[in-house]
Structure formats: structure tokens, C-alpha cells
Amino acid sequence: MSMPDYDNYTYSELEEALLYLDRDKWPERYEAIQQRLNDPAHREKVLNSQIEANKNQQQEEATEKARQKIIAKDMLRVSLFGTPGSIMLGLGLFGFFTEKPENLFYLLGEEYFVYGLLIVGGIIELWQMIEILRIKRKHKKNTTAVSKETKNHSSVIRR
């Protein structure tokens, strides 16, 4: 059986391997692990790779926070522009289905005004739905691209 490549183990992985290794059965492996644990060059290499991994993780977290801010900003914009449409649609439905809608507002008794509210409110709501789907699709593509890039970068670091 061949010896594992302990050069690619992190410091904590080496310590764990040493803890569970049968010293009597695998003395050469025990010695190899001890050498790497005591080797300053290996320790520095592992430390540098852990620092690099932490930097990458911090960059990913910052990117994710920025992406979430952009999504929140886009959703707020769409919501603000869509609110009048919701109100118009609601008033139009109220005017259409209520027996005396003019008790709330005199123009709700006018049939063409109610139809106008329904049409314009419906168009605004349709625009809002399309924009929300567009934002979702756009950010889903960005997330997929970032996660693929991260996976490729992580595999390069491990090597």
C-alpha cells in the first residue's frame, strides 16, 4: 500500500492523522507525519494556503453582500414603481364589484374610470412581475458564474 501524500495535508489534518494512526503498524507514516509537523517550511506553506483561503472567503463574503445590496436596491425600485399599480388595480376591482363604489370616491361610480384603473393598474402589475423575474434571472446567472469561478479557484489552491 502506498503512503498518503502528507504534503497536501493541513496542519490540523496532520495532527488528526497522527492521533488516529497505529504507530506500530505504520512506523514510516508516523515518522513522515512527525517530520511535516516539525518542518517549518511545511508549516509556513500550510499557513500561507490557509491565509489565502481566508482571503478568498472574505472576498466571497464581500461580493455576496454587495450582490444582496444590489438585489435589495432593484427590488425596492420595482416595488416603489409598482405600488401605484397595486392601488389602481385594487380601486378598480373595488369599483367593479361593489354596488355603490361612489360612496368611497365619486369617480369609482364611472364605468370608464373603473376600466381605466383596471387596465392601467394591470399593466403596471404585469410590468412589475416581469421586472421581478428579470432581476431574479439576472442575479441567478451571476450567482452561478461566481460559484463556478469559486470552485475552479478552490481546486487550484488545493493543488
N, C-alpha and C. Protein backbone atom coordinates (compact mmCIF):
# COMPACT_ATOMS: atom_id res chain seq x y z
N MET A 1 0.85 -1.17 0.00
CA MET A 1 0.00 0.00 0.00
C MET A 1 0.90 1.25 0.00
N SER A 2 0.54 2.23 -0.82
CA SER A 2 1.39 3.42 -0.93
C SER A 2 1.09 4.40 0.21
N MET A 3 2.07 5.25 0.46
CA MET A 3 1.95 6.23 1.53
C MET A 3 1.13 7.43 1.05
N PRO A 4 0.24 7.94 1.89
CA PRO A 4 -0.52 9.14 1.52
C PRO A 4 0.41 10.33 1.29
N ASP A 5 -0.08 11.28 0.50
CA ASP A 5 0.69 12.48 0.19
C ASP A 5 0.47 13.50 1.31
N TYR A 6 1.28 13.42 2.34
CA TYR A 6 1.11 14.29 3.51
C TYR A 6 1.49 15.74 3.22
N ASP A 7 2.13 15.99 2.09
CA ASP A 7 2.50 17.37 1.75
C ASP A 7 1.27 18.25 1.54
N ASN A 8 0.18 17.65 1.11
CA ASN A 8 -1.04 18.42 0.85
C ASN A 8 -1.99 18.47 2.05
N TYR A 9 -1.61 17.88 3.17
CA TYR A 9 -2.44 17.92 4.36
C TYR A 9 -2.24 19.25 5.08
N THR A 10 -3.32 19.73 5.68
CA THR A 10 -3.20 20.93 6.52
C THR A 10 -2.61 20.50 7.86
N TYR A 11 -2.26 21.47 8.65
CA TYR A 11 -1.65 21.19 9.95
C TYR A 11 -2.61 20.38 10.83
N SER A 12 -3.88 20.82 10.85
CA SER A 12 -4.86 20.10 11.69
C SER A 12 -5.13 18.70 11.15
N GLU A 13 -5.09 18.53 9.82
CA GLU A 13 -5.27 17.19 9.25
C GLU A 13 -4.10 16.28 9.62
N LEU A 14 -2.91 16.83 9.63
CA LEU A 14 -1.74 16.04 10.04
C LEU A 14 -1.85 15.63 11.50
N GLU A 15 -2.28 16.55 12.34
CA GLU A 15 -2.44 16.22 13.77
C GLU A 15 -3.50 15.14 13.96
N GLU A 16 -4.59 15.25 13.20
CA GLU A 16 -5.64 14.24 13.30
C GLU A 16 -5.15 12.88 12.80
N ALA A 17 -4.40 12.88 11.70
CA ALA A 17 -3.84 11.64 11.16
C ALA A 17 -2.90 11.00 12.18
N LEU A 18 -2.11 11.82 12.83
CA LEU A 18 -1.18 11.33 13.84
C LEU A 18 -1.94 10.73 15.02
N LEU A 19 -3.04 11.34 15.39
CA LEU A 19 -3.84 10.89 16.53
C LEU A 19 -4.43 9.50 16.28
N TYR A 20 -4.90 9.25 15.06
CA TYR A 20 -5.59 8.00 14.77
C TYR A 20 -4.70 6.94 14.10
N LEU A 21 -3.46 7.27 13.83
CA LEU A 21 -2.57 6.34 13.16
C LEU A 21 -2.03 5.30 14.15
N ASP A 22 -2.01 4.05 13.72
CA ASP A 22 -1.42 2.98 14.52
C ASP A 22 0.09 3.02 14.32
N ARG A 23 0.78 3.52 15.34
CA ARG A 23 2.23 3.76 15.25
C ARG A 23 3.01 2.46 15.02
N ASP A 24 2.57 1.38 15.63
CA ASP A 24 3.29 0.11 15.50
C ASP A 24 3.09 -0.51 14.11
N LYS A 25 1.90 -0.31 13.55
CA LYS A 25 1.60 -0.89 12.24
C LYS A 25 2.19 -0.07 11.10
N TRP A 26 2.25 1.26 11.27
CA TRP A 26 2.72 2.16 10.21
C TRP A 26 3.81 3.11 10.73
N PRO A 27 4.96 2.60 11.12
CA PRO A 27 6.00 3.48 11.68
C PRO A 27 6.54 4.51 10.67
N GLU A 28 6.62 4.13 9.38
CA GLU A 28 7.14 5.08 8.38
C GLU A 28 6.15 6.24 8.17
N ARG A 29 4.85 5.96 8.24
CA ARG A 29 3.86 7.03 8.11
C ARG A 29 3.91 7.95 9.33
N TYR A 30 4.06 7.31 10.50
CA TYR A 30 4.15 8.11 11.73
C TYR A 30 5.34 9.06 11.65
N GLU A 31 6.44 8.56 11.17
CA GLU A 31 7.67 9.36 11.05
C GLU A 31 7.47 10.49 10.02
N ALA A 32 6.81 10.18 8.91
CA ALA A 32 6.59 11.18 7.86
C ALA A 32 5.68 12.31 8.39
N ILE A 33 4.68 11.94 9.13
CA ILE A 33 3.78 12.97 9.71
C ILE A 33 4.54 13.82 10.71
N GLN A 34 5.31 13.20 11.56
CA GLN A 34 6.11 13.94 12.55
C GLN A 34 7.06 14.92 11.86
N GLN A 35 7.69 14.46 10.78
CA GLN A 35 8.60 15.33 10.03
C GLN A 35 7.88 16.57 9.52
N ARG A 36 6.71 16.37 8.94
CA ARG A 36 5.97 17.50 8.38
C ARG A 36 5.45 18.44 9.46
N LEU A 37 5.07 17.86 10.58
CA LEU A 37 4.61 18.72 11.68
C LEU A 37 5.74 19.57 12.24
N ASN A 38 6.93 19.05 12.23
CA ASN A 38 8.09 19.78 12.78
C ASN A 38 8.83 20.59 11.73
N ASP A 39 8.48 20.43 10.46
CA ASP A 39 9.16 21.13 9.37
C ASP A 39 8.62 22.56 9.25
N PRO A 40 9.46 23.59 9.48
CA PRO A 40 8.99 24.97 9.40
C PRO A 40 8.53 25.36 7.99
N ALA A 41 9.17 24.80 6.97
CA ALA A 41 8.78 25.13 5.59
C ALA A 41 7.37 24.62 5.30
N HIS A 42 7.08 23.40 5.75
CA HIS A 42 5.74 22.84 5.55
C HIS A 42 4.70 23.65 6.34
N ARG A 43 5.07 24.00 7.56
CA ARG A 43 4.17 24.78 8.41
C ARG A 43 3.86 26.13 7.75
N GLU A 44 4.88 26.76 7.18
CA GLU A 44 4.69 28.05 6.51
C GLU A 44 3.82 27.89 5.26
N LYS A 45 4.07 26.81 4.50
CA LYS A 45 3.27 26.55 3.30
C LYS A 45 1.79 26.37 3.67
N VAL A 46 1.53 25.59 4.70
CA VAL A 46 0.16 25.35 5.14
C VAL A 46 -0.47 26.65 5.64
N LEU A 47 0.29 27.42 6.40
CA LEU A 47 -0.21 28.68 6.92
C LEU A 47 -0.55 29.65 5.79
N ASN A 48 0.33 29.73 4.79
CA ASN A 48 0.08 30.60 3.64
C ASN A 48 -1.18 30.17 2.87
N SER A 49 -1.35 28.86 2.71
CA SER A 49 -2.55 28.40 1.99
C SER A 49 -3.81 28.69 2.80
N GLN A 50 -3.73 28.59 4.13
CA GLN A 50 -4.89 28.92 4.98
C GLN A 50 -5.18 30.42 4.93
N ILE A 51 -4.15 31.24 4.91
CA ILE A 51 -4.34 32.69 4.81
C ILE A 51 -4.99 33.02 3.47
N GLU A 52 -4.52 32.39 2.41
CA GLU A 52 -5.09 32.61 1.07
C GLU A 52 -6.56 32.18 1.04
N ALA A 53 -6.85 31.05 1.66
CA ALA A 53 -8.25 30.57 1.71
C ALA A 53 -9.13 31.55 2.48
N ASN A 54 -8.60 32.10 3.59
CA ASN A 54 -9.37 33.08 4.37
C ASN A 54 -9.61 34.35 3.56
N LYS A 55 -8.60 34.79 2.81
CA LYS A 55 -8.76 35.98 1.97
C LYS A 55 -9.85 35.74 0.92
N ASN A 56 -9.80 34.56 0.30
CA ASN A 56 -10.79 34.23 -0.71
C ASN A 56 -12.20 34.19 -0.11
N GLN A 57 -12.29 33.63 1.09
CA GLN A 57 -13.59 33.56 1.76
C GLN A 57 -14.10 34.97 2.08
N GLN A 58 -13.22 35.84 2.55
CA GLN A 58 -13.62 37.22 2.84
C GLN A 58 -14.05 37.95 1.57
N GLN A 59 -13.34 37.72 0.48
CA GLN A 59 -13.72 38.33 -0.79
C GLN A 59 -15.07 37.82 -1.26
N GLU A 60 -15.32 36.52 -1.10
CA GLU A 60 -16.61 35.95 -1.47
C GLU A 60 -17.73 36.55 -0.63
N GLU A 61 -17.48 36.70 0.67
CA GLU A 61 -18.50 37.28 1.56
C GLU A 61 -18.78 38.73 1.18
N ALA A 62 -17.74 39.49 0.86
CA ALA A 62 -17.93 40.88 0.45
C ALA A 62 -18.70 40.96 -0.86
N THR A 63 -18.37 40.07 -1.78
CA THR A 63 -19.07 40.03 -3.07
C THR A 63 -20.53 39.68 -2.86
N GLU A 64 -20.79 38.72 -1.99
CA GLU A 64 -22.17 38.31 -1.71
C GLU A 64 -22.97 39.44 -1.06
N LYS A 65 -22.35 40.16 -0.14
CA LYS A 65 -23.04 41.31 0.49
C LYS A 65 -23.35 42.38 -0.54
N ALA A 66 -22.40 42.66 -1.42
CA ALA A 66 -22.63 43.66 -2.47
C ALA A 66 -23.74 43.22 -3.40
N ARG A 67 -23.76 41.93 -3.74
CA ARG A 67 -24.80 41.40 -4.61
C ARG A 67 -26.17 41.51 -3.95
N GLN A 68 -26.23 41.22 -2.66
CA GLN A 68 -27.51 41.32 -1.93
C GLN A 68 -27.99 42.77 -1.86
N LYS A 69 -27.04 43.71 -1.71
CA LYS A 69 -27.43 45.13 -1.71
C LYS A 69 -28.01 45.54 -3.05
N ILE A 70 -27.40 45.06 -4.13
CA ILE A 70 -27.90 45.39 -5.47
C ILE A 70 -29.29 44.80 -5.67
N ILE A 71 -29.48 43.57 -5.23
CA ILE A 71 -30.80 42.94 -5.36
C ILE A 71 -31.84 43.72 -4.56
N ALA A 72 -31.49 44.10 -3.33
CA ALA A 72 -32.43 44.86 -2.49
C ALA A 72 -32.77 46.20 -3.13
N LYS A 73 -31.77 46.86 -3.71
CA LYS A 73 -31.99 48.15 -4.37
C LYS A 73 -32.92 47.98 -5.58
N ASP A 74 -32.66 46.96 -6.39
CA ASP A 74 -33.51 46.70 -7.56
C ASP A 74 -34.93 46.37 -7.15
N MET A 75 -35.08 45.54 -6.13
CA MET A 75 -36.42 45.16 -5.67
C MET A 75 -37.17 46.36 -5.08
N LEU A 76 -36.47 47.23 -4.38
CA LEU A 76 -37.09 48.43 -3.83
C LEU A 76 -37.58 49.34 -4.95
N ARG A 77 -36.75 49.50 -5.97
CA ARG A 77 -37.13 50.33 -7.12
C ARG A 77 -38.39 49.79 -7.78
N VAL A 78 -38.43 48.50 -8.03
CA VAL A 78 -39.58 47.88 -8.67
C VAL A 78 -40.82 47.99 -7.78
N SER A 79 -40.63 47.80 -6.50
CA SER A 79 -41.76 47.89 -5.56
C SER A 79 -42.33 49.30 -5.50
N LEU A 80 -41.45 50.28 -5.47
CA LEU A 80 -41.93 51.67 -5.41
C LEU A 80 -42.70 52.05 -6.67
N PHE A 81 -42.17 51.65 -7.82
CA PHE A 81 -42.87 51.96 -9.07
C PHE A 81 -44.13 51.12 -9.24
N GLY A 82 -44.19 49.96 -8.62
CA GLY A 82 -45.34 49.08 -8.74
C GLY A 82 -46.46 49.38 -7.78
N THR A 83 -46.18 50.12 -6.72
CA THR A 83 -47.21 50.41 -5.70
C THR A 83 -48.42 51.14 -6.28
N PRO A 84 -48.26 52.18 -7.08
CA PRO A 84 -49.45 52.83 -7.65
C PRO A 84 -50.28 51.87 -8.49
N GLY A 85 -49.64 50.94 -9.18
CA GLY A 85 -50.37 49.95 -9.96
C GLY A 85 -51.23 49.06 -9.08
N SER A 86 -50.69 48.68 -7.93
CA SER A 86 -51.45 47.85 -6.99
C SER A 86 -52.66 48.62 -6.46
N ILE A 87 -52.44 49.88 -6.14
CA ILE A 87 -53.54 50.71 -5.64
C ILE A 87 -54.60 50.90 -6.72
N MET A 88 -54.16 51.19 -7.94
CA MET A 88 -55.11 51.37 -9.04
C MET A 88 -55.90 50.08 -9.31
N LEU A 89 -55.22 48.97 -9.32
CA LEU A 89 -55.88 47.69 -9.55
C LEU A 89 -56.89 47.40 -8.43
N GLY A 90 -56.50 47.66 -7.20
CA GLY A 90 -57.40 47.44 -6.07
C GLY A 90 -58.63 48.33 -6.14
N LEU A 91 -58.42 49.61 -6.43
CA LEU A 91 -59.56 50.53 -6.55
C LEU A 91 -60.46 50.15 -7.72
N GLY A 92 -59.84 49.71 -8.83
CA GLY A 92 -60.61 49.28 -9.99
C GLY A 92 -61.47 48.06 -9.67
N LEU A 93 -60.90 47.10 -8.97
CA LEU A 93 -61.66 45.92 -8.58
C LEU A 93 -62.78 46.28 -7.60
N PHE A 94 -62.47 47.20 -6.69
CA PHE A 94 -63.49 47.66 -5.74
C PHE A 94 -64.64 48.32 -6.51
N GLY A 95 -64.31 49.19 -7.46
CA GLY A 95 -65.34 49.87 -8.25
C GLY A 95 -66.12 48.92 -9.14
N PHE A 96 -65.48 47.87 -9.59
CA PHE A 96 -66.13 46.93 -10.49
C PHE A 96 -67.10 45.99 -9.76
N PHE A 97 -66.72 45.54 -8.56
CA PHE A 97 -67.51 44.52 -7.87
C PHE A 97 -68.42 45.07 -6.77
N THR A 98 -68.30 46.32 -6.40
CA THR A 98 -69.13 46.88 -5.34
C THR A 98 -70.37 47.53 -5.94
N GLU A 99 -71.50 47.44 -5.20
CA GLU A 99 -72.75 48.01 -5.72
C GLU A 99 -72.72 49.54 -5.76
N LYS A 100 -72.21 50.17 -4.72
CA LYS A 100 -72.15 51.64 -4.69
C LYS A 100 -70.72 52.09 -4.39
N PRO A 101 -69.83 51.97 -5.38
CA PRO A 101 -68.43 52.35 -5.15
C PRO A 101 -68.25 53.86 -5.00
N GLU A 102 -69.21 54.64 -5.50
CA GLU A 102 -69.09 56.10 -5.39
C GLU A 102 -69.15 56.58 -3.95
N ASN A 103 -69.58 55.71 -3.02
CA ASN A 103 -69.56 56.07 -1.60
C ASN A 103 -68.12 56.26 -1.10
N LEU A 104 -67.17 55.55 -1.71
CA LEU A 104 -65.76 55.70 -1.35
C LEU A 104 -65.15 56.89 -2.10
N PHE A 105 -65.39 56.96 -3.40
CA PHE A 105 -64.86 58.03 -4.23
C PHE A 105 -65.79 58.18 -5.42
N TYR A 106 -66.20 59.39 -5.70
CA TYR A 106 -67.26 59.61 -6.68
C TYR A 106 -66.93 59.09 -8.08
N LEU A 107 -65.67 59.09 -8.49
CA LEU A 107 -65.31 58.62 -9.82
C LEU A 107 -65.36 57.09 -9.95
N LEU A 108 -65.40 56.39 -8.83
CA LEU A 108 -65.49 54.93 -8.90
C LEU A 108 -66.87 54.49 -9.39
N GLY A 109 -67.81 55.40 -9.42
CA GLY A 109 -69.13 55.10 -9.98
C GLY A 109 -69.13 55.21 -11.49
N GLU A 110 -68.09 55.81 -12.08
CA GLU A 110 -67.99 55.95 -13.53
C GLU A 110 -67.35 54.69 -14.12
N GLU A 111 -68.08 54.06 -15.03
CA GLU A 111 -67.65 52.79 -15.59
C GLU A 111 -66.31 52.90 -16.33
N TYR A 112 -66.11 53.92 -17.14
CA TYR A 112 -64.87 54.06 -17.91
C TYR A 112 -63.67 54.36 -17.01
N PHE A 113 -63.92 55.08 -15.95
CA PHE A 113 -62.84 55.36 -14.98
C PHE A 113 -62.38 54.06 -14.34
N VAL A 114 -63.33 53.21 -13.96
CA VAL A 114 -63.01 51.91 -13.34
C VAL A 114 -62.24 51.04 -14.33
N TYR A 115 -62.70 50.99 -15.58
CA TYR A 115 -61.99 50.21 -16.59
C TYR A 115 -60.56 50.75 -16.80
N GLY A 116 -60.44 52.06 -16.80
CA GLY A 116 -59.12 52.68 -16.93
C GLY A 116 -58.21 52.28 -15.78
N LEU A 117 -58.75 52.29 -14.55
CA LEU A 117 -57.96 51.86 -13.38
C LEU A 117 -57.52 50.40 -13.53
N LEU A 118 -58.45 49.55 -13.97
CA LEU A 118 -58.13 48.14 -14.12
C LEU A 118 -57.06 47.91 -15.20
N ILE A 119 -57.19 48.61 -16.32
CA ILE A 119 -56.23 48.42 -17.41
C ILE A 119 -54.85 48.96 -17.04
N VAL A 120 -54.81 50.20 -16.57
CA VAL A 120 -53.51 50.80 -16.23
C VAL A 120 -52.88 50.08 -15.04
N GLY A 121 -53.66 49.77 -14.00
CA GLY A 121 -53.14 49.03 -12.84
C GLY A 121 -52.65 47.65 -13.24
N GLY A 122 -53.40 46.97 -14.12
CA GLY A 122 -52.97 45.65 -14.60
C GLY A 122 -51.67 45.70 -15.38
N ILE A 123 -51.54 46.74 -16.22
CA ILE A 123 -50.30 46.88 -17.00
C ILE A 123 -49.11 47.13 -16.07
N ILE A 124 -49.30 47.98 -15.08
CA ILE A 124 -48.20 48.26 -14.13
C ILE A 124 -47.85 47.00 -13.35
N GLU A 125 -48.85 46.23 -12.92
CA GLU A 125 -48.59 44.99 -12.19
C GLU A 125 -47.87 43.97 -13.07
N LEU A 126 -48.27 43.89 -14.33
CA LEU A 126 -47.60 43.00 -15.27
C LEU A 126 -46.14 43.41 -15.45
N TRP A 127 -45.89 44.72 -15.59
CA TRP A 127 -44.52 45.22 -15.70
C TRP A 127 -43.72 44.85 -14.45
N GLN A 128 -44.36 45.01 -13.28
CA GLN A 128 -43.68 44.70 -12.02
C GLN A 128 -43.31 43.21 -11.96
N MET A 129 -44.20 42.35 -12.36
CA MET A 129 -43.93 40.92 -12.34
C MET A 129 -42.78 40.58 -13.30
N ILE A 130 -42.79 41.16 -14.49
CA ILE A 130 -41.72 40.91 -15.47
C ILE A 130 -40.38 41.41 -14.93
N GLU A 131 -40.37 42.57 -14.31
CA GLU A 131 -39.12 43.12 -13.74
C GLU A 131 -38.58 42.24 -12.62
N ILE A 132 -39.46 41.74 -11.76
CA ILE A 132 -39.02 40.88 -10.67
C ILE A 132 -38.41 39.60 -11.23
N LEU A 133 -39.05 39.02 -12.24
CA LEU A 133 -38.50 37.81 -12.87
C LEU A 133 -37.16 38.11 -13.56
N ARG A 134 -37.04 39.28 -14.19
CA ARG A 134 -35.79 39.66 -14.84
C ARG A 134 -34.67 39.82 -13.81
N ILE A 135 -34.97 40.46 -12.69
CA ILE A 135 -33.97 40.63 -11.62
C ILE A 135 -33.55 39.27 -11.08
N LYS A 136 -34.53 38.41 -10.85
CA LYS A 136 -34.23 37.07 -10.33
C LYS A 136 -33.33 36.31 -11.30
N ARG A 137 -33.66 36.34 -12.58
CA ARG A 137 -32.88 35.63 -13.59
C ARG A 137 -31.47 36.20 -13.70
N LYS A 138 -31.37 37.52 -13.68
CA LYS A 138 -30.07 38.19 -13.80
C LYS A 138 -29.15 37.81 -12.64
N HIS A 139 -29.67 37.84 -11.43
CA HIS A 139 -28.84 37.54 -10.27
C HIS A 139 -28.58 36.05 -10.12
N LYS A 140 -29.48 35.22 -10.64
CA LYS A 140 -29.23 33.79 -10.61
C LYS A 140 -28.07 33.45 -11.53
N LYS A 141 -28.00 34.08 -12.71
CA LYS A 141 -26.88 33.87 -13.63
C LYS A 141 -25.58 34.31 -12.99
N ASN A 142 -25.59 35.48 -12.33
CA ASN A 142 -24.38 35.98 -11.67
C ASN A 142 -23.93 35.04 -10.57
N THR A 143 -24.87 34.50 -9.81
CA THR A 143 -24.53 33.58 -8.73
C THR A 143 -23.91 32.31 -9.29
N THR A 144 -24.48 31.78 -10.37
CA THR A 144 -23.94 30.57 -10.98
C THR A 144 -22.53 30.81 -11.49
N ALA A 145 -22.30 31.94 -12.14
CA ALA A 145 -20.97 32.25 -12.67
C ALA A 145 -19.96 32.40 -11.53
N VAL A 146 -20.35 33.07 -10.45
CA VAL A 146 -19.45 33.27 -9.31
C VAL A 146 -19.14 31.95 -8.64
N SER A 147 -20.15 31.07 -8.47
CA SER A 147 -19.90 29.80 -7.80
C SER A 147 -19.00 28.90 -8.64
N LYS A 148 -19.14 28.91 -9.98
CA LYS A 148 -18.24 28.13 -10.82
C LYS A 148 -16.82 28.65 -10.72
N GLU A 149 -16.68 29.98 -10.71
CA GLU A 149 -15.36 30.60 -10.60
C GLU A 149 -14.72 30.25 -9.26
N THR A 150 -15.52 30.26 -8.20
CA THR A 150 -15.02 29.95 -6.86
C THR A 150 -14.56 28.50 -6.80
N LYS A 151 -15.34 27.58 -7.38
CA LYS A 151 -14.95 26.17 -7.36
C LYS A 151 -13.65 25.96 -8.12
N ASN A 152 -13.50 26.61 -9.27
CA ASN A 152 -12.25 26.48 -10.03
C ASN A 152 -11.08 27.02 -9.24
N HIS A 153 -11.29 28.17 -8.58
CA HIS A 153 -10.22 28.78 -7.80
C HIS A 153 -9.85 27.91 -6.61
N SER A 154 -10.84 27.32 -5.95
CA SER A 154 -10.58 26.47 -4.80
C SER A 154 -9.78 25.23 -5.18
N SER A 155 -10.10 24.65 -6.34
CA SER A 155 -9.35 23.46 -6.76
C SER A 155 -7.90 23.82 -7.09
N VAL A 156 -7.65 25.00 -7.59
CA VAL A 156 -6.29 25.42 -7.88
C VAL A 156 -5.51 25.61 -6.59
N ILE A 157 -6.14 26.17 -5.56
CA ILE A 157 -5.45 26.40 -4.28
C ILE A 157 -5.06 25.07 -3.63
N ARG A 158 -5.93 24.07 -3.71
CA ARG A 158 -5.65 22.78 -3.06
C ARG A 158 -4.45 22.08 -3.70
N ARG A 159 -4.24 22.31 -4.97
CA ARG A 159 -3.13 21.65 -5.67
C ARG A 159 -1.86 22.28 -5.22
